């Protein structure tokens, strides 16, 4: 088990919260397991950043954008289907 300095832990958490890099881009060069990052985040992240739904960063923005695109695609398919309530019953 490797020991990581407090400075490194805080730096990794700060990079993760900033959302400018993917988790893999942050952790791979340092050979840090994801489980360490999530444990460090609980310890070193500012109080307001602990709820991932409240974070506004590039990662969450991209995820929300993908979700919207997926839902729009489903919506357009459903609009093309010729079906109504009477056909279901």
PDB file of N, CA and C in Angstrom:
ATOM      1  N   UNK A   1       0.838  -1.171   0.000  1.00  0.00           N
ATOM      2  CA  UNK A   1       0.000   0.000   0.000  1.00  0.00           C
ATOM      3  C   UNK A   1       0.890   1.244   0.000  1.00  0.00           C
ATOM      4  N   UNK A   2       0.623   2.133  -0.969  1.00  0.00           N
ATOM      5  CA  UNK A   2       1.420   3.353  -1.071  1.00  0.00           C
ATOM      6  C   UNK A   2       0.864   4.428  -0.157  1.00  0.00           C
ATOM      7  N   UNK A   3       1.751   5.246   0.314  1.00  0.00           N
ATOM      8  CA  UNK A   3       1.365   6.409   1.110  1.00  0.00           C
ATOM      9  C   UNK A   3       1.414   7.628   0.206  1.00  0.00           C
ATOM     10  N   UNK A   4       0.369   8.407   0.231  1.00  0.00           N
ATOM     11  CA  UNK A   4       0.307   9.622  -0.570  1.00  0.00           C
ATOM     12  C   UNK A   4       0.323  10.820   0.363  1.00  0.00           C
ATOM     13  N   UNK A   5       0.995  11.881  -0.071  1.00  0.00           N
ATOM     14  CA  UNK A   5       1.081  13.082   0.757  1.00  0.00           C
ATOM     15  C   UNK A   5      -0.279  13.786   0.803  1.00  0.00           C
ATOM     16  N   UNK A   6      -0.469  14.554   1.851  1.00  0.00           N
ATOM     17  CA  UNK A   6      -1.716  15.311   2.008  1.00  0.00           C
ATOM     18  C   UNK A   6      -1.884  16.300   0.846  1.00  0.00           C
ATOM     19  N   UNK A   7      -0.772  16.888   0.420  1.00  0.00           N
ATOM     20  CA  UNK A   7      -0.819  17.852  -0.679  1.00  0.00           C
ATOM     21  C   UNK A   7      -1.309  17.194  -1.962  1.00  0.00           C
ATOM     22  N   UNK A   8      -0.800  15.992  -2.247  1.00  0.00           N
ATOM     23  CA  UNK A   8      -1.204  15.263  -3.448  1.00  0.00           C
ATOM     24  C   UNK A   8      -2.691  14.914  -3.380  1.00  0.00           C
ATOM     25  N   UNK A   9      -3.128  14.461  -2.218  1.00  0.00           N
ATOM     26  CA  UNK A   9      -4.544  14.109  -2.057  1.00  0.00           C
ATOM     27  C   UNK A   9      -5.436  15.318  -2.330  1.00  0.00           C
ATOM     28  N   UNK A  10      -5.079  16.449  -1.748  1.00  0.00           N
ATOM     29  CA  UNK A  10      -5.874  17.668  -1.938  1.00  0.00           C
ATOM     30  C   UNK A  10      -5.851  18.126  -3.391  1.00  0.00           C
ATOM     31  N   UNK A  11      -4.690  17.977  -4.033  1.00  0.00           N
ATOM     32  CA  UNK A  11      -4.562  18.374  -5.432  1.00  0.00           C
ATOM     33  C   UNK A  11      -5.437  17.493  -6.322  1.00  0.00           C
ATOM     34  N   UNK A  12      -5.422  16.198  -6.087  1.00  0.00           N
ATOM     35  CA  UNK A  12      -6.226  15.263  -6.874  1.00  0.00           C
ATOM     36  C   UNK A  12      -7.716  15.563  -6.696  1.00  0.00           C
ATOM     37  N   UNK A  13      -8.133  15.796  -5.467  1.00  0.00           N
ATOM     38  CA  UNK A  13      -9.536  16.116  -5.192  1.00  0.00           C
ATOM     39  C   UNK A  13      -9.919  17.432  -5.875  1.00  0.00           C
ATOM     40  N   UNK A  14      -9.052  18.424  -5.827  1.00  0.00           N
ATOM     41  CA  UNK A  14      -9.329  19.713  -6.463  1.00  0.00           C
ATOM     42  C   UNK A  14      -9.479  19.558  -7.979  1.00  0.00           C
ATOM     43  N   UNK A  15      -8.619  18.757  -8.598  1.00  0.00           N
ATOM     44  CA  UNK A  15      -8.707  18.515 -10.039  1.00  0.00           C
ATOM     45  C   UNK A  15     -10.006  17.786 -10.383  1.00  0.00           C
ATOM     46  N   UNK A  16     -10.381  16.831  -9.554  1.00  0.00           N
ATOM     47  CA  UNK A  16     -11.617  16.080  -9.782  1.00  0.00           C
ATOM     48  C   UNK A  16     -12.832  17.000  -9.682  1.00  0.00           C
ATOM     49  N   UNK A  17     -12.873  17.841  -8.670  1.00  0.00           N
ATOM     50  CA  UNK A  17     -14.005  18.744  -8.470  1.00  0.00           C
ATOM     51  C   UNK A  17     -14.078  19.779  -9.584  1.00  0.00           C
ATOM     52  N   UNK A  18     -12.924  20.238 -10.070  1.00  0.00           N
ATOM     53  CA  UNK A  18     -12.907  21.221 -11.156  1.00  0.00           C
ATOM     54  C   UNK A  18     -13.554  20.649 -12.414  1.00  0.00           C
ATOM     55  N   UNK A  19     -13.425  19.342 -12.621  1.00  0.00           N
ATOM     56  CA  UNK A  19     -14.080  18.686 -13.741  1.00  0.00           C
ATOM     57  C   UNK A  19     -13.461  18.945 -15.093  1.00  0.00           C
ATOM     58  N   UNK A  20     -12.259  19.483 -15.130  1.00  0.00           N
ATOM     59  CA  UNK A  20     -11.614  19.780 -16.396  1.00  0.00           C
ATOM     60  C   UNK A  20     -10.978  18.547 -17.029  1.00  0.00           C
ATOM     61  N   UNK A  21     -10.714  17.533 -16.227  1.00  0.00           N
ATOM     62  CA  UNK A  21     -10.138  16.285 -16.709  1.00  0.00           C
ATOM     63  C   UNK A  21     -11.052  15.137 -16.299  1.00  0.00           C
ATOM     64  N   UNK A  22     -10.969  14.043 -17.042  1.00  0.00           N
ATOM     65  CA  UNK A  22     -11.715  12.857 -16.642  1.00  0.00           C
ATOM     66  C   UNK A  22     -11.022  12.217 -15.443  1.00  0.00           C
ATOM     67  N   UNK A  23     -11.730  11.351 -14.776  1.00  0.00           N
ATOM     68  CA  UNK A  23     -11.157  10.660 -13.621  1.00  0.00           C
ATOM     69  C   UNK A  23      -9.915   9.878 -14.036  1.00  0.00           C
ATOM     70  N   UNK A  24      -9.993   9.215 -15.184  1.00  0.00           N
ATOM     71  CA  UNK A  24      -8.856   8.435 -15.672  1.00  0.00           C
ATOM     72  C   UNK A  24      -7.644   9.324 -15.946  1.00  0.00           C
ATOM     73  N   UNK A  25      -7.873  10.500 -16.512  1.00  0.00           N
ATOM     74  CA  UNK A  25      -6.771  11.414 -16.801  1.00  0.00           C
ATOM     75  C   UNK A  25      -6.086  11.902 -15.529  1.00  0.00           C
ATOM     76  N   UNK A  26      -6.852  11.990 -14.459  1.00  0.00           N
ATOM     77  CA  UNK A  26      -6.276  12.432 -13.188  1.00  0.00           C
ATOM     78  C   UNK A  26      -5.515  11.305 -12.511  1.00  0.00           C
ATOM     79  N   UNK A  27      -6.108  10.116 -12.483  1.00  0.00           N
ATOM     80  CA  UNK A  27      -5.573   9.026 -11.671  1.00  0.00           C
ATOM     81  C   UNK A  27      -4.515   8.165 -12.372  1.00  0.00           C
ATOM     82  N   UNK A  28      -4.632   7.967 -13.676  1.00  0.00           N
ATOM     83  CA  UNK A  28      -3.715   7.057 -14.379  1.00  0.00           C
ATOM     84  C   UNK A  28      -2.238   7.410 -14.236  1.00  0.00           C
ATOM     85  N   UNK A  29      -1.845   8.675 -14.469  1.00  0.00           N
ATOM     86  CA  UNK A  29      -0.416   8.985 -14.357  1.00  0.00           C
ATOM     87  C   UNK A  29       0.145   8.747 -12.953  1.00  0.00           C
ATOM     88  N   UNK A  30      -0.723   8.826 -11.958  1.00  0.00           N
ATOM     89  CA  UNK A  30      -0.268   8.684 -10.576  1.00  0.00           C
ATOM     90  C   UNK A  30      -0.479   7.274 -10.029  1.00  0.00           C
ATOM     91  N   UNK A  31      -1.118   6.414 -10.816  1.00  0.00           N
ATOM     92  CA  UNK A  31      -1.432   5.028 -10.405  1.00  0.00           C
ATOM     93  C   UNK A  31      -2.225   4.999  -9.097  1.00  0.00           C
ATOM     94  N   UNK A  32      -3.263   5.816  -9.052  1.00  0.00           N
ATOM     95  CA  UNK A  32      -4.114   5.888  -7.866  1.00  0.00           C
ATOM     96  C   UNK A  32      -5.431   5.179  -8.169  1.00  0.00           C
ATOM     97  N   UNK A  33      -5.864   4.265  -7.323  1.00  0.00           N
ATOM     98  CA  UNK A  33      -7.160   3.611  -7.533  1.00  0.00           C
ATOM     99  C   UNK A  33      -8.328   4.584  -7.337  1.00  0.00           C
ATOM    100  N   UNK A  34      -9.437   4.338  -8.042  1.00  0.00           N
ATOM    101  CA  UNK A  34     -10.617   5.203  -7.923  1.00  0.00           C
ATOM    102  C   UNK A  34     -11.140   5.237  -6.493  1.00  0.00           C
ATOM    103  N   UNK A  35     -11.050   4.103  -5.814  1.00  0.00           N
ATOM    104  CA  UNK A  35     -11.578   4.051  -4.448  1.00  0.00           C
ATOM    105  C   UNK A  35     -10.876   5.069  -3.548  1.00  0.00           C
ATOM    106  N   UNK A  36      -9.583   5.284  -3.780  1.00  0.00           N
ATOM    107  CA  UNK A  36      -8.858   6.289  -2.996  1.00  0.00           C
ATOM    108  C   UNK A  36      -9.412   7.684  -3.275  1.00  0.00           C
ATOM    109  N   UNK A  37      -9.653   7.974  -4.537  1.00  0.00           N
ATOM    110  CA  UNK A  37     -10.171   9.293  -4.890  1.00  0.00           C
ATOM    111  C   UNK A  37     -11.485   9.562  -4.175  1.00  0.00           C
ATOM    112  N   UNK A  38     -12.399   8.608  -4.186  1.00  0.00           N
ATOM    113  CA  UNK A  38     -13.707   8.825  -3.567  1.00  0.00           C
ATOM    114  C   UNK A  38     -13.597   8.953  -2.046  1.00  0.00           C
ATOM    115  N   UNK A  39     -12.679   8.227  -1.460  1.00  0.00           N
ATOM    116  CA  UNK A  39     -12.449   8.344  -0.020  1.00  0.00           C
ATOM    117  C   UNK A  39     -11.840   9.706   0.305  1.00  0.00           C
ATOM    118  N   UNK A  40     -10.889  10.133  -0.498  1.00  0.00           N
ATOM    119  CA  UNK A  40     -10.255  11.434  -0.287  1.00  0.00           C
ATOM    120  C   UNK A  40     -11.261  12.560  -0.505  1.00  0.00           C
ATOM    121  N   UNK A  41     -12.160  12.386  -1.457  1.00  0.00           N
ATOM    122  CA  UNK A  41     -13.144  13.427  -1.738  1.00  0.00           C
ATOM    123  C   UNK A  41     -14.020  13.674  -0.511  1.00  0.00           C
ATOM    124  N   UNK A  42     -14.408  12.613   0.159  1.00  0.00           N
ATOM    125  CA  UNK A  42     -15.219  12.762   1.376  1.00  0.00           C
ATOM    126  C   UNK A  42     -14.465  13.549   2.442  1.00  0.00           C
ATOM    127  N   UNK A  43     -13.154  13.341   2.489  1.00  0.00           N
ATOM    128  CA  UNK A  43     -12.344  13.965   3.538  1.00  0.00           C
ATOM    129  C   UNK A  43     -11.918  15.395   3.189  1.00  0.00           C
ATOM    130  N   UNK A  44     -11.545  15.651   1.937  1.00  0.00           N
ATOM    131  CA  UNK A  44     -10.907  16.925   1.579  1.00  0.00           C
ATOM    132  C   UNK A  44     -11.786  17.875   0.774  1.00  0.00           C
ATOM    133  N   UNK A  45     -12.907  17.418   0.257  1.00  0.00           N
ATOM    134  CA  UNK A  45     -13.743  18.297  -0.567  1.00  0.00           C
ATOM    135  C   UNK A  45     -14.448  19.323   0.309  1.00  0.00           C
ATOM    136  N   UNK A  46     -14.638  20.521  -0.206  1.00  0.00           N
ATOM    137  CA  UNK A  46     -15.414  21.519   0.546  1.00  0.00           C
ATOM    138  C   UNK A  46     -16.824  21.002   0.797  1.00  0.00           C
ATOM    139  N   UNK A  47     -17.449  21.488   1.823  1.00  0.00           N
ATOM    140  CA  UNK A  47     -18.766  20.998   2.243  1.00  0.00           C
ATOM    141  C   UNK A  47     -19.804  21.006   1.125  1.00  0.00           C
ATOM    142  N   UNK A  48     -19.835  22.053   0.322  1.00  0.00           N
ATOM    143  CA  UNK A  48     -20.844  22.160  -0.719  1.00  0.00           C
ATOM    144  C   UNK A  48     -20.644  21.232  -1.894  1.00  0.00           C
ATOM    145  N   UNK A  49     -19.495  20.600  -1.991  1.00  0.00           N
ATOM    146  CA  UNK A  49     -19.185  19.772  -3.160  1.00  0.00           C
ATOM    147  C   UNK A  49     -19.451  18.292  -2.930  1.00  0.00           C
ATOM    148  N   UNK A  50     -19.951  17.916  -1.797  1.00  0.00           N
ATOM    149  CA  UNK A  50     -20.127  16.496  -1.517  1.00  0.00           C
ATOM    150  C   UNK A  50     -21.303  15.884  -2.258  1.00  0.00           C
ATOM    151  N   UNK A  51     -22.296  16.654  -2.633  1.00  0.00           N
ATOM    152  CA  UNK A  51     -23.429  16.132  -3.372  1.00  0.00           C
ATOM    153  C   UNK A  51     -23.162  16.281  -4.864  1.00  0.00           C
ATOM    154  N   UNK A  52     -22.931  15.167  -5.605  1.00  0.00           N
ATOM    155  CA  UNK A  52     -22.574  15.267  -7.018  1.00  0.00           C
ATOM    156  C   UNK A  52     -23.664  15.925  -7.868  1.00  0.00           C
ATOM    157  N   UNK A  53     -24.924  15.872  -7.425  1.00  0.00           N
ATOM    158  CA  UNK A  53     -26.000  16.491  -8.192  1.00  0.00           C
ATOM    159  C   UNK A  53     -25.909  18.008  -8.144  1.00  0.00           C
ATOM    160  N   UNK A  54     -25.302  18.552  -7.109  1.00  0.00           N
ATOM    161  CA  UNK A  54     -25.194  20.000  -6.959  1.00  0.00           C
ATOM    162  C   UNK A  54     -23.968  20.577  -7.650  1.00  0.00           C
ATOM    163  N   UNK A  55     -23.024  19.742  -8.020  1.00  0.00           N
ATOM    164  CA  UNK A  55     -21.803  20.223  -8.651  1.00  0.00           C
ATOM    165  C   UNK A  55     -22.098  20.657 -10.077  1.00  0.00           C
ATOM    166  N   UNK A  56     -21.569  21.786 -10.469  1.00  0.00           N
ATOM    167  CA  UNK A  56     -21.675  22.243 -11.846  1.00  0.00           C
ATOM    168  C   UNK A  56     -20.269  22.293 -12.396  1.00  0.00           C
ATOM    169  N   UNK A  57     -19.936  21.297 -13.192  1.00  0.00           N
ATOM    170  CA  UNK A  57     -18.625  21.256 -13.806  1.00  0.00           C
ATOM    171  C   UNK A  57     -18.756  20.642 -15.199  1.00  0.00           C
ATOM    172  N   UNK A  58     -17.676  20.568 -15.896  1.00  0.00           N
ATOM    173  CA  UNK A  58     -17.688  20.086 -17.274  1.00  0.00           C
ATOM    174  C   UNK A  58     -18.203  18.653 -17.356  1.00  0.00           C
ATOM    175  N   UNK A  59     -17.806  17.816 -16.412  1.00  0.00           N
ATOM    176  CA  UNK A  59     -18.211  16.407 -16.425  1.00  0.00           C
ATOM    177  C   UNK A  59     -19.732  16.288 -16.309  1.00  0.00           C
ATOM    178  N   UNK A  60     -20.323  16.969 -15.322  1.00  0.00           N
ATOM    179  CA  UNK A  60     -21.767  16.895 -15.129  1.00  0.00           C
ATOM    180  C   UNK A  60     -22.518  17.547 -16.279  1.00  0.00           C
ATOM    181  N   UNK A  61     -21.971  18.609 -16.827  1.00  0.00           N
ATOM    182  CA  UNK A  61     -22.602  19.257 -17.976  1.00  0.00           C
ATOM    183  C   UNK A  61     -22.675  18.287 -19.150  1.00  0.00           C
ATOM    184  N   UNK A  62     -21.586  17.584 -19.419  1.00  0.00           N
ATOM    185  CA  UNK A  62     -21.559  16.627 -20.534  1.00  0.00           C
ATOM    186  C   UNK A  62     -22.532  15.474 -20.287  1.00  0.00           C
ATOM    187  N   UNK A  63     -22.593  15.000 -19.057  1.00  0.00           N
ATOM    188  CA  UNK A  63     -23.533  13.930 -18.735  1.00  0.00           C
ATOM    189  C   UNK A  63     -24.979  14.385 -18.933  1.00  0.00           C
ATOM    190  N   UNK A  64     -25.292  15.592 -18.498  1.00  0.00           N
ATOM    191  CA  UNK A  64     -26.644  16.119 -18.680  1.00  0.00           C
ATOM    192  C   UNK A  64     -26.964  16.308 -20.162  1.00  0.00           C
ATOM    193  N   UNK A  65     -25.996  16.754 -20.924  1.00  0.00           N
ATOM    194  CA  UNK A  65     -26.192  16.949 -22.360  1.00  0.00           C
ATOM    195  C   UNK A  65     -26.479  15.611 -23.045  1.00  0.00           C
ATOM    196  N   UNK A  66     -25.738  14.560 -22.678  1.00  0.00           N
ATOM    197  CA  UNK A  66     -25.972  13.233 -23.243  1.00  0.00           C
ATOM    198  C   UNK A  66     -27.359  12.714 -22.863  1.00  0.00           C
ATOM    199  N   UNK A  67     -27.765  12.944 -21.633  1.00  0.00           N
ATOM    200  CA  UNK A  67     -29.075  12.505 -21.171  1.00  0.00           C
ATOM    201  C   UNK A  67     -30.186  13.191 -21.961  1.00  0.00           C
ATOM    202  N   UNK A  68     -30.031  14.487 -22.197  1.00  0.00           N
ATOM    203  CA  UNK A  68     -31.020  15.236 -22.969  1.00  0.00           C
ATOM    204  C   UNK A  68     -31.099  14.702 -24.397  1.00  0.00           C
ATOM    205  N   UNK A  69     -29.951  14.434 -25.008  1.00  0.00           N
ATOM    206  CA  UNK A  69     -29.936  13.910 -26.374  1.00  0.00           C
ATOM    207  C   UNK A  69     -30.620  12.546 -26.443  1.00  0.00           C
ATOM    208  N   UNK A  70     -30.372  11.694 -25.457  1.00  0.00           N
ATOM    209  CA  UNK A  70     -30.983  10.369 -25.419  1.00  0.00           C
ATOM    210  C   UNK A  70     -32.503  10.486 -25.268  1.00  0.00           C
ATOM    211  N   UNK A  71     -32.950  11.364 -24.378  1.00  0.00           N
ATOM    212  CA  UNK A  71     -34.383  11.544 -24.167  1.00  0.00           C
ATOM    213  C   UNK A  71     -35.058  12.166 -25.397  1.00  0.00           C
ATOM    214  N   UNK A  72     -34.380  13.067 -26.080  1.00  0.00           N
ATOM    215  CA  UNK A  72     -34.936  13.642 -27.305  1.00  0.00           C
ATOM    216  C   UNK A  72     -35.070  12.587 -28.392  1.00  0.00           C
ATOM    217  N   UNK A  73     -34.089  11.675 -28.475  1.00  0.00           N
ATOM    218  CA  UNK A  73     -34.161  10.599 -29.462  1.00  0.00           C
ATOM    219  C   UNK A  73     -35.345   9.673 -29.157  1.00  0.00           C
ATOM    220  N   UNK A  74     -35.526   9.332 -27.906  1.00  0.00           N
ATOM    221  CA  UNK A  74     -36.656   8.488 -27.505  1.00  0.00           C
ATOM    222  C   UNK A  74     -37.966   9.195 -27.815  1.00  0.00           C
ATOM    223  N   UNK A  75     -38.023  10.474 -27.512  1.00  0.00           N
ATOM    224  CA  UNK A  75     -39.219  11.275 -27.767  1.00  0.00           C
ATOM    225  C   UNK A  75     -39.580  11.283 -29.249  1.00  0.00           C
ATOM    226  N   UNK A  76     -38.579  11.467 -30.106  1.00  0.00           N
ATOM    227  CA  UNK A  76     -38.851  11.516 -31.544  1.00  0.00           C
ATOM    228  C   UNK A  76     -39.337  10.160 -32.055  1.00  0.00           C
ATOM    229  N   UNK A  77     -38.828   9.078 -31.508  1.00  0.00           N
ATOM    230  CA  UNK A  77     -39.291   7.738 -31.897  1.00  0.00           C
ATOM    231  C   UNK A  77     -40.744   7.553 -31.487  1.00  0.00           C
ATOM    232  N   UNK A  78     -41.070   7.955 -30.275  1.00  0.00           N
ATOM    233  CA  UNK A  78     -42.436   7.803 -29.788  1.00  0.00           C
ATOM    234  C   UNK A  78     -43.418   8.655 -30.590  1.00  0.00           C
ATOM    235  N   UNK A  79     -42.991   9.800 -31.079  1.00  0.00           N
ATOM    236  CA  UNK A  79     -43.857  10.641 -31.896  1.00  0.00           C
ATOM    237  C   UNK A  79     -44.147  10.002 -33.244  1.00  0.00           C
ATOM    238  N   UNK A  80     -43.231   9.187 -33.755  1.00  0.00           N
ATOM    239  CA  UNK A  80     -43.393   8.555 -35.058  1.00  0.00           C
ATOM    240  C   UNK A  80     -44.280   7.308 -35.003  1.00  0.00           C
ATOM    241  N   UNK A  81     -44.442   6.727 -33.840  1.00  0.00           N
ATOM    242  CA  UNK A  81     -45.234   5.509 -33.694  1.00  0.00           C
ATOM    243  C   UNK A  81     -46.710   5.868 -33.789  1.00  0.00           C
ATOM    244  N   UNK A  82     -47.423   5.130 -34.627  1.00  0.00           N
ATOM    245  CA  UNK A  82     -48.853   5.373 -34.803  1.00  0.00           C
ATOM    246  C   UNK A  82     -49.621   4.514 -33.803  1.00  0.00           C
ATOM    247  N   UNK A  83     -49.809   5.053 -32.617  1.00  0.00           N
ATOM    248  CA  UNK A  83     -50.457   4.300 -31.552  1.00  0.00           C
ATOM    249  C   UNK A  83     -51.230   5.276 -30.672  1.00  0.00           C
ATOM    250  N   UNK A  84     -52.379   4.807 -30.170  1.00  0.00           N
ATOM    251  CA  UNK A  84     -53.133   5.615 -29.231  1.00  0.00           C
ATOM    252  C   UNK A  84     -53.708   4.719 -28.144  1.00  0.00           C
ATOM    253  N   UNK A  85     -54.460   5.284 -27.207  1.00  0.00           N
ATOM    254  CA  UNK A  85     -54.965   4.528 -26.072  1.00  0.00           C
ATOM    255  C   UNK A  85     -55.877   3.383 -26.478  1.00  0.00           C
ATOM    256  N   UNK A  86     -56.712   3.610 -27.465  1.00  0.00           N
ATOM    257  CA  UNK A  86     -57.665   2.575 -27.864  1.00  0.00           C
ATOM    258  C   UNK A  86     -56.968   1.346 -28.424  1.00  0.00           C
ATOM    259  N   UNK A  87     -55.792   1.511 -28.981  1.00  0.00           N
ATOM    260  CA  UNK A  87     -55.055   0.366 -29.532  1.00  0.00           C
ATOM    261  C   UNK A  87     -54.452  -0.477 -28.394  1.00  0.00           C
ATOM    262  N   UNK A  88     -54.178   0.135 -27.275  1.00  0.00           N
ATOM    263  CA  UNK A  88     -53.570  -0.567 -26.148  1.00  0.00           C
ATOM    264  C   UNK A  88     -54.595  -1.426 -25.434  1.00  0.00           C
ATOM    265  N   UNK A  89     -55.813  -0.925 -25.279  1.00  0.00           N
ATOM    266  CA  UNK A  89     -56.857  -1.644 -24.557  1.00  0.00           C
ATOM    267  C   UNK A  89     -57.393  -2.735 -25.360  1.00  0.00           C
TER     268      UNK A  89
END
